[in-house]
Amino acid sequence: MSFQHSVEAWVKNHQNIRKGERFRRIAKGLGYAEKLFLEKVWFPMFGHMDHLHPEYEVVDFKDSYRYIDFAYIHHLLRIAIEIDPFGTHLRDMTRDQYSDERDRQNDLIIDGWKVIRFSLDRIRDNPRACQRRIQNLIGKYLVDWQRLKEMSLEEREIIRIARRLQKDLKMQHIKDWLNISDPYARKLLHGLVKKGELAQASGTQRITAYRLMSNQYDYLLD
């Protein structure tokens, strides 16, 4: 299907499932910058609009409705894609509106969204650079997701516990949380060390505490 036909079918589908302000915003049509993003960046990269939502509605921490230019939602990954035309986007803003825009982005990040922004100039002059950034972000998610899928349920829960503790992890924590025996807890912890997910935090002949190697799974385990 051609780009034009794909966009028309995609927009029509979203019109059919929206009501109220959500319908009005999509019914008025995409702006020049948004259309250019789809034409120069998104469609050449994927060849479809699957999992991409225009003018996506979210509720902020003040219970106000906000709208994201494009939201990519696939499994547990949520990416907010914002297009910023140079000039009018900032020139027409008051100081309060500018501060509110920053609050809006912060709220999205706190709520677990990945936020990526592109200027109109970058989309027009160097769409490949925009594609690389999106590919890197989605690619990182796919790698992390695959590594989590290869872990057992208990191993994933240990990673979750270690994140929440925000201190060195001890075998007693695992025994209490998972209600398992000493040998099984030790086996799980040693297995995660071998996989590079945990590292020794204390102990010489025997490890007495563990620490996470990274927080790379934060957005997948929240």
Foldseek 3Di string as FASTA:
>chain_A
DDLVVQVVVVLVVQCVPDDDPSNVVSVVDDDPLLSLCCVQAPCVLPVHQPQKDAQDWDAFPVRDIHTARIWRDDQLAIEGEHEAEPDPNPVVDDPVRVVVVVVVVVRCVVVLHHYDYDYSCCSVPPNVVVNVVVCVVVVLVVVVVVVVVPDDPLLLVVLVQLVVVVDWAFLVVSCVVVVDDPVVSVVSVVVCVVVVQWDADDDDPDRGTIHGPDCSCVSVND
